[in-house]
């Protein structure tokens, strides 16, 4: 009798939780739409800009991207650009490509050694690049950034003429690999709904986000907040720099540039797992790691529970519960399909069902990172370099 009551109570609880997951996905779809509506696009003007812009590009083992990055950057018109490529101990021929193909086109090549104690490699490379820059404006780009038209930098600089101290653009992330087709839609939906980038443009909102693929900042302001030297130990240096600027009262703006330039995010499955671990590691630097268990629990309920319940309900013959679980999965896939369409992926309907695999990868990576970090054994590998956190 007691076991029957416990089973009924457990089933009732499971039904209530499962019934909330479709509502949660509806909310995610709604918040995603609101964020995209609020995000202003960088208008294409193609005017002339007079200030010198120093473009600083840190890169480590980026032989597959650096040529396209530098080529499309050098094709920018309407603006004077000083290009500085900082080679962060590359081992794959990156330096040879820059030296042989771009030195004669005016690109400055700086190779740096291992970062000093307390510094992370990218932050060290950005800072060293800044020391070689002479522009009134600094433009920090990732080495996998690719411009789709020739007026992006000039238009961004023109927009800064409205009194902005820093401007960042959101790129269209590359979906060339199977891993990106599966992982990106879920991660983008989480960003757009739970961590809305549009909030960064509200001076009253403490949230601040800049995207490392394109950060344009006044030299004077960069120095006043301490630049990358002030965030030398932070893994997500773009977010840390954004917080410094916004908390300092400087005017920053984040615009949607996805129609005009793109960037790689992680590429391989191992890259996405490493990227998720980087998020956990950076979060732990500014928040209590104990909070992560609540995020992991919520992620497991939202992303994994519906499929588990659908299988169990189908086996044990509970149609109402199966319908609730199936509804959550359908809305999940639909939300990811919308993101695949926004990323302009061909055959989006074919890939959308596969994106549910990203749910399992995300939760597993979060759990692994949390356990490793709690035990003090979390080591990250990025671009062939191990980072012990």
Protein backbone atom coordinates (compact mmCIF):
# COMPACT_ATOMS: atom_id res chain seq x y z
CA UNK A 1 0.00 0.00 0.00
CA UNK A 2 2.79 2.42 0.95
CA UNK A 3 4.70 1.53 -2.21
CA UNK A 4 1.58 2.22 -4.29
CA UNK A 5 1.22 5.66 -2.73
CA UNK A 6 4.90 6.41 -3.30
CA UNK A 7 4.63 5.32 -6.93
CA UNK A 8 1.55 7.52 -7.49
CA UNK A 9 3.29 10.49 -5.84
CA UNK A 10 6.43 9.96 -7.92
CA UNK A 11 4.38 9.65 -11.12
CA UNK A 12 2.43 12.80 -10.28
CA UNK A 13 5.63 14.72 -9.63
CA UNK A 14 7.15 13.46 -12.88
CA UNK A 15 4.00 14.47 -14.77
CA UNK A 16 4.13 17.99 -13.35
CA UNK A 17 7.83 18.42 -14.17
CA UNK A 18 7.40 17.00 -17.66
CA UNK A 19 4.42 19.28 -18.33
CA UNK A 20 6.62 22.30 -17.54
CA UNK A 21 9.29 21.46 -20.13
CA UNK A 22 7.14 22.35 -23.19
CA UNK A 23 6.29 25.64 -21.51
CA UNK A 24 9.99 26.27 -20.89
CA UNK A 25 10.77 25.67 -24.57
CA UNK A 26 7.93 27.98 -25.63
CA UNK A 27 9.44 30.64 -23.37
CA UNK A 28 12.88 30.08 -24.94
CA UNK A 29 11.44 30.50 -28.44
CA UNK A 30 9.69 33.69 -27.33
CA UNK A 31 12.76 35.18 -25.63
CA UNK A 32 14.89 34.29 -28.64
CA UNK A 33 12.51 36.20 -30.91
CA UNK A 34 12.46 39.19 -28.55
CA UNK A 35 16.27 39.30 -28.41
CA UNK A 36 16.64 39.13 -32.18
CA UNK A 37 14.04 41.88 -32.57
CA UNK A 38 15.88 44.12 -30.10
CA UNK A 39 19.31 43.58 -31.65
CA UNK A 40 20.04 46.33 -34.14
CA UNK A 41 21.96 45.42 -37.29
CA UNK A 42 25.03 47.34 -38.44
CA UNK A 43 23.70 49.49 -41.27
CA UNK A 44 25.61 49.42 -44.55
CA UNK A 45 26.67 52.98 -45.38
CA UNK A 46 30.14 52.60 -46.91
CA UNK A 47 31.29 56.10 -46.07
CA UNK A 48 34.78 57.44 -45.44
CA UNK A 49 36.38 57.40 -41.98
CA UNK A 50 39.53 59.38 -41.14
CA UNK A 51 40.87 57.97 -37.82
CA UNK A 52 43.55 55.30 -38.05
CA UNK A 53 42.38 51.88 -36.87
CA UNK A 54 44.93 49.39 -35.52
CA UNK A 55 43.58 45.89 -36.18
CA UNK A 56 45.16 43.44 -33.72
CA UNK A 57 44.75 39.76 -34.53
CA UNK A 58 46.09 37.21 -32.03
CA UNK A 59 46.42 33.73 -33.45
CA UNK A 60 47.72 30.34 -32.39
CA UNK A 61 47.70 27.40 -34.82
CA UNK A 62 45.28 29.12 -37.19
CA UNK A 63 46.81 28.15 -40.53
CA UNK A 64 43.38 27.10 -41.78
CA UNK A 65 41.85 30.54 -41.23
CA UNK A 66 44.51 33.23 -41.19
CA UNK A 67 44.78 33.74 -44.95
CA UNK A 68 41.07 34.42 -45.42
CA UNK A 69 40.98 36.60 -42.31
CA UNK A 70 43.85 38.84 -43.41
CA UNK A 71 42.77 38.91 -47.06
CA UNK A 72 39.24 40.10 -46.31
CA UNK A 73 40.52 42.57 -43.71
CA UNK A 74 42.96 44.12 -46.20
CA UNK A 75 40.09 44.51 -48.68
CA UNK A 76 38.20 46.82 -46.30
CA UNK A 77 37.74 50.28 -47.80
CA UNK A 78 36.80 53.73 -46.58
CA UNK A 79 39.12 53.49 -43.58
CA UNK A 80 42.85 53.48 -42.82
CA UNK A 81 43.85 50.21 -41.17
CA UNK A 82 47.13 49.21 -39.57
CA UNK A 83 47.15 45.40 -39.40
CA UNK A 84 49.12 43.64 -36.64
CA UNK A 85 49.16 39.85 -36.50
CA UNK A 86 50.43 38.42 -33.22
CA UNK A 87 51.63 34.83 -33.52
CA UNK A 88 51.08 33.09 -30.20
CA UNK A 89 53.68 30.30 -30.51
CA UNK A 90 51.98 28.66 -33.50
CA UNK A 91 53.30 25.26 -34.52
CA UNK A 92 51.29 24.63 -37.71
CA UNK A 93 52.75 27.02 -40.26
CA UNK A 94 50.68 30.04 -39.32
CA UNK A 95 53.77 32.27 -39.13
CA UNK A 96 55.03 31.10 -42.52
CA UNK A 97 51.72 32.00 -44.19
CA UNK A 98 51.73 35.50 -42.71
CA UNK A 99 55.40 36.15 -43.47
CA UNK A 100 55.31 34.85 -47.04
CA UNK A 101 51.97 36.23 -48.18
CA UNK A 102 51.13 39.29 -46.11
CA UNK A 103 54.32 40.95 -44.92
CA UNK A 104 54.75 42.58 -48.34
CA UNK A 105 51.14 43.80 -48.11
CA UNK A 106 51.93 45.82 -45.00
CA UNK A 107 50.90 43.43 -42.24
CA UNK A 108 53.06 43.70 -39.12
CA UNK A 109 54.10 40.30 -37.76
CA UNK A 110 54.83 39.91 -34.06
CA UNK A 111 55.69 36.54 -32.54
CA UNK A 112 55.39 36.19 -28.78
CA UNK A 113 56.70 33.50 -26.48
CA UNK A 114 54.96 31.73 -23.63
CA UNK A 115 52.80 34.09 -21.57
CA UNK A 116 54.19 35.28 -18.22
CA UNK A 117 52.84 33.88 -14.98
CA UNK A 118 49.26 34.99 -14.41
CA UNK A 119 48.59 35.62 -18.08
CA UNK A 120 46.60 33.51 -20.52
CA UNK A 121 47.97 33.23 -24.04
CA UNK A 122 45.34 35.19 -25.98
CA UNK A 123 45.31 38.04 -23.47
CA UNK A 124 49.10 38.24 -23.60
CA UNK A 125 49.05 38.28 -27.41
CA UNK A 126 46.40 41.03 -27.50
CA UNK A 127 48.39 43.16 -25.06
CA UNK A 128 51.63 42.70 -26.99
CA UNK A 129 49.80 43.60 -30.18
CA UNK A 130 48.50 46.77 -28.55
CA UNK A 131 52.07 47.78 -27.66
CA UNK A 132 52.85 47.82 -31.40
CA UNK A 133 49.69 49.74 -32.34
CA UNK A 134 49.53 53.44 -33.15
CA UNK A 135 45.87 53.92 -34.09
CA UNK A 136 43.35 56.12 -32.34
CA UNK A 137 41.01 53.13 -32.44
CA UNK A 138 41.90 49.52 -31.65
CA UNK A 139 40.13 46.68 -33.44
CA UNK A 140 40.58 43.25 -31.86
CA UNK A 141 39.70 40.38 -34.19
CA UNK A 142 39.87 36.62 -33.86
CA UNK A 143 42.05 34.95 -36.49
CA UNK A 144 39.05 33.00 -37.82
CA UNK A 145 37.08 36.18 -38.55
CA UNK A 146 36.05 36.56 -42.22
CA UNK A 147 34.42 39.66 -43.73
CA UNK A 148 31.64 39.22 -46.31
CA UNK A 149 31.74 42.81 -47.60
CA UNK A 150 34.28 45.62 -47.80
CA UNK A 151 32.66 48.27 -45.59
CA UNK A 152 32.27 46.57 -42.21
CA UNK A 153 35.12 48.37 -40.42
CA UNK A 154 34.28 51.77 -41.94
CA UNK A 155 30.61 51.42 -40.98
CA UNK A 156 31.50 50.31 -37.45
CA UNK A 157 33.81 53.30 -37.04
CA UNK A 158 31.13 55.60 -38.43
CA UNK A 159 28.69 54.26 -35.84
CA UNK A 160 31.21 54.96 -33.08
CA UNK A 161 31.10 58.59 -34.16
CA UNK A 162 27.81 58.82 -32.26
CA UNK A 163 29.78 59.05 -29.02
CA UNK A 164 30.46 55.36 -28.40
CA UNK A 165 33.59 54.21 -26.61
CA UNK A 166 33.43 50.62 -27.82
CA UNK A 167 31.45 48.66 -30.36
CA UNK A 168 31.24 44.92 -30.91
CA UNK A 169 29.58 42.90 -33.66
CA UNK A 170 27.94 39.50 -33.43
CA UNK A 171 29.20 37.28 -36.28
CA UNK A 172 27.47 34.56 -38.22
CA UNK A 173 29.05 31.43 -36.78
CA UNK A 174 30.37 28.85 -39.22
CA UNK A 175 28.35 25.65 -39.64
CA UNK A 176 30.73 23.84 -41.95
CA UNK A 177 31.36 20.87 -39.66
CA UNK A 178 28.78 18.29 -38.60
CA UNK A 179 29.54 19.13 -34.97
CA UNK A 180 28.66 22.79 -35.57
CA UNK A 181 25.41 21.86 -37.30
CA UNK A 182 24.43 19.81 -34.25
CA UNK A 183 25.81 21.91 -31.39
CA UNK A 184 25.43 25.53 -32.48
CA UNK A 185 21.60 25.78 -32.60
CA UNK A 186 21.19 24.74 -28.97
CA UNK A 187 24.04 26.93 -27.71
CA UNK A 188 22.78 29.93 -29.69
CA UNK A 189 19.24 29.48 -28.37
CA UNK A 190 20.55 29.39 -24.81
CA UNK A 191 22.55 32.56 -25.40
CA UNK A 192 19.71 34.44 -27.08
CA UNK A 193 17.09 33.48 -24.49
CA UNK A 194 18.81 33.04 -21.13
CA UNK A 195 21.73 35.46 -21.59
CA UNK A 196 20.27 37.98 -24.00
CA UNK A 197 23.06 39.97 -25.70
CA UNK A 198 20.58 42.81 -26.24
CA UNK A 199 20.80 43.61 -22.52
CA UNK A 200 24.35 44.79 -23.08
CA UNK A 201 23.01 47.91 -24.82
CA UNK A 202 20.95 49.01 -21.83
CA UNK A 203 23.03 51.40 -19.67
CA UNK A 204 20.89 50.51 -16.65
CA UNK A 205 21.50 46.78 -17.01
CA UNK A 206 24.77 45.49 -15.49
CA UNK A 207 25.09 42.70 -18.07
CA UNK A 208 27.83 43.46 -20.58
CA UNK A 209 28.83 41.38 -23.58
CA UNK A 210 31.39 41.90 -26.31
CA UNK A 211 32.22 39.30 -28.96
CA UNK A 212 35.92 38.61 -29.41
CA UNK A 213 35.48 38.20 -33.17
CA UNK A 214 35.09 42.01 -33.49
CA UNK A 215 35.79 44.53 -30.70
CA UNK A 216 36.40 48.16 -31.68
CA UNK A 217 37.49 50.38 -28.78
CA UNK A 218 39.00 53.84 -28.35
CA UNK A 219 42.68 53.63 -27.53
CA UNK A 220 42.29 56.13 -24.68
CA UNK A 221 39.44 54.16 -23.13
CA UNK A 222 41.28 50.86 -23.53
CA UNK A 223 44.19 52.31 -21.56
CA UNK A 224 41.95 53.83 -18.90
CA UNK A 225 40.37 50.47 -18.02
CA UNK A 226 43.72 48.67 -18.17
CA UNK A 227 43.07 46.77 -21.40
CA UNK A 228 43.88 43.08 -21.59
CA UNK A 229 46.41 43.54 -18.82
CA UNK A 230 43.50 44.11 -16.43
CA UNK A 231 41.85 40.82 -17.51
CA UNK A 232 45.07 38.87 -18.09
CA UNK A 233 43.95 35.78 -16.18
CA UNK A 234 40.37 35.60 -17.48
CA UNK A 235 39.42 32.83 -19.89
CA UNK A 236 36.54 34.75 -21.51
CA UNK A 237 38.50 37.96 -21.89
CA UNK A 238 35.88 39.60 -24.13
CA UNK A 239 33.19 39.33 -21.45
CA UNK A 240 35.61 40.53 -18.77
CA UNK A 241 36.63 43.54 -20.87
CA UNK A 242 32.98 44.34 -21.52
CA UNK A 243 32.27 44.37 -17.77
CA UNK A 244 35.22 46.69 -17.15
CA UNK A 245 34.01 49.14 -19.78
CA UNK A 246 30.38 49.17 -18.74
CA UNK A 247 31.04 49.33 -15.00
CA UNK A 248 33.39 52.24 -15.73
CA UNK A 249 30.54 54.22 -17.25
CA UNK A 250 31.78 53.99 -20.83
CA UNK A 251 29.31 53.73 -23.69
CA UNK A 252 29.41 50.34 -25.38
CA UNK A 253 27.19 48.99 -28.13
CA UNK A 254 26.61 45.46 -29.41
CA UNK A 255 25.16 45.11 -32.91
CA UNK A 256 24.19 42.21 -35.12
CA UNK A 257 26.77 41.84 -37.86
CA UNK A 258 25.84 38.32 -38.93
CA UNK A 259 24.91 39.43 -42.46
CA UNK A 260 28.31 41.01 -42.97
CA UNK A 261 31.00 38.84 -41.35
CA UNK A 262 31.48 35.43 -39.84
CA UNK A 263 33.70 33.46 -37.49
CA UNK A 264 34.41 29.94 -36.30
CA UNK A 265 33.26 28.94 -32.81
CA UNK A 266 34.68 25.52 -32.03
CA UNK A 267 34.42 23.33 -35.11
CA UNK A 268 34.96 19.81 -33.79
CA UNK A 269 33.01 17.97 -31.10
CA UNK A 270 36.09 18.07 -28.86
CA UNK A 271 36.24 21.82 -29.50
CA UNK A 272 32.66 22.29 -28.34
CA UNK A 273 33.24 20.25 -25.19
CA UNK A 274 36.32 22.37 -24.49
CA UNK A 275 34.31 25.55 -25.12
CA UNK A 276 31.67 24.47 -22.59
CA UNK A 277 34.40 23.73 -20.05
CA UNK A 278 35.85 27.19 -20.66
CA UNK A 279 32.46 28.70 -19.82
CA UNK A 280 32.34 26.74 -16.55
CA UNK A 281 35.92 27.70 -15.70
CA UNK A 282 35.35 31.39 -16.34
CA UNK A 283 32.05 31.31 -14.41
CA UNK A 284 33.85 29.84 -11.40
CA UNK A 285 36.25 32.81 -11.39
CA UNK A 286 33.44 35.28 -10.67
CA UNK A 287 30.70 33.17 -9.06
CA UNK A 288 30.33 30.37 -6.57
CA UNK A 289 30.96 27.05 -8.27
CA UNK A 290 28.31 25.56 -5.97
CA UNK A 291 25.66 27.30 -8.08
CA UNK A 292 26.65 25.13 -11.04
CA UNK A 293 24.82 22.13 -9.64
CA UNK A 294 21.53 24.04 -9.95
CA UNK A 295 22.26 24.90 -13.59
CA UNK A 296 23.18 21.28 -14.29
CA UNK A 297 19.97 20.04 -12.65
CA UNK A 298 17.90 22.49 -14.68
CA UNK A 299 19.71 21.52 -17.88
CA UNK A 300 19.14 17.81 -17.22
CA UNK A 301 15.42 18.37 -16.63
CA UNK A 302 14.93 20.58 -19.69
CA UNK A 303 17.21 18.83 -22.15
CA UNK A 304 17.29 15.15 -21.10
CA UNK A 305 14.16 14.35 -19.09
CA UNK A 306 11.64 14.58 -21.98
CA UNK A 307 13.35 11.87 -24.03
CA UNK A 308 13.77 9.60 -20.98
CA UNK A 309 10.11 10.10 -20.04
CA UNK A 310 8.96 9.52 -23.64
CA UNK A 311 10.74 6.17 -23.77
CA UNK A 312 9.49 5.11 -20.32
CA UNK A 313 5.92 6.26 -20.98
CA UNK A 314 5.87 4.41 -24.29
CA UNK A 315 7.09 1.22 -22.65
CA UNK A 316 4.70 1.36 -19.69
CA UNK A 317 1.71 2.64 -21.67
CA UNK A 318 1.09 6.17 -20.38
CA UNK A 319 -0.13 8.15 -23.46
CA UNK A 320 -0.71 11.52 -21.68
CA UNK A 321 2.81 11.54 -20.26
CA UNK A 322 4.26 10.46 -23.60
CA UNK A 323 2.43 13.31 -25.36
CA UNK A 324 3.81 15.87 -22.90
CA UNK A 325 7.34 14.60 -23.36
CA UNK A 326 6.99 14.45 -27.15
CA UNK A 327 5.68 18.03 -27.21
CA UNK A 328 8.80 19.23 -25.42
CA UNK A 329 11.07 17.41 -27.87
CA UNK A 330 9.17 18.76 -30.88
CA UNK A 331 9.41 22.37 -29.65
CA UNK A 332 13.11 21.82 -28.85
CA UNK A 333 13.75 20.64 -32.42
CA UNK A 334 11.63 23.49 -33.83
CA UNK A 335 13.63 26.08 -31.89
CA UNK A 336 16.87 24.60 -33.19
CA UNK A 337 15.46 24.54 -36.71
CA UNK A 338 14.75 28.27 -36.49
CA UNK A 339 18.36 28.87 -35.48
CA UNK A 340 19.68 26.69 -38.30
CA UNK A 341 17.63 28.79 -40.72
CA UNK A 342 19.02 31.98 -39.22
CA UNK A 343 22.52 30.57 -39.69
CA UNK A 344 21.57 30.03 -43.35
CA UNK A 345 22.25 26.32 -43.29
CA UNK A 346 21.12 24.34 -46.31
CA UNK A 347 19.00 21.27 -45.59
CA UNK A 348 18.09 22.63 -42.14
CA UNK A 349 15.06 20.28 -41.85
CA UNK A 350 17.39 17.29 -42.20
CA UNK A 351 19.80 18.43 -39.50
CA UNK A 352 17.26 19.79 -37.00
CA UNK A 353 16.30 16.36 -35.49
CA UNK A 354 20.00 15.58 -34.95
CA UNK A 355 20.38 18.66 -32.75
CA UNK A 356 18.79 16.83 -29.81
CA UNK A 357 22.17 15.06 -29.51
CA UNK A 358 23.58 18.42 -28.43
CA UNK A 359 21.42 18.19 -25.27
CA UNK A 360 23.37 15.15 -24.10
CA UNK A 361 26.75 16.58 -25.02
CA UNK A 362 26.01 19.83 -23.17
CA UNK A 363 24.86 18.18 -19.95
CA UNK A 364 27.71 15.64 -20.00
CA UNK A 365 30.29 18.40 -20.54
CA UNK A 366 28.80 20.47 -17.72
CA UNK A 367 28.88 17.51 -15.33
CA UNK A 368 32.45 16.59 -16.27
CA UNK A 369 33.65 20.17 -15.89
CA UNK A 370 31.90 20.58 -12.53
CA UNK A 371 33.31 17.34 -11.09
CA UNK A 372 36.80 18.07 -12.38
CA UNK A 373 36.75 21.63 -11.09
CA UNK A 374 35.47 20.61 -7.67
CA UNK A 375 38.33 18.13 -7.38
CA UNK A 376 40.85 20.70 -8.58
CA UNK A 377 41.75 18.71 -11.70
CA UNK A 378 40.21 20.79 -14.49
CA UNK A 379 42.65 21.28 -17.33
CA UNK A 380 41.63 22.88 -20.61
CA UNK A 381 43.21 22.43 -24.01
CA UNK A 382 42.76 25.24 -26.50
CA UNK A 383 44.50 25.55 -29.86
CA UNK A 384 47.02 22.90 -28.80
CA UNK A 385 47.94 24.56 -25.48
CA UNK A 386 46.97 23.19 -22.09
CA UNK A 387 45.58 25.63 -19.57
CA UNK A 388 45.48 24.51 -15.95
CA UNK A 389 42.73 26.30 -14.06
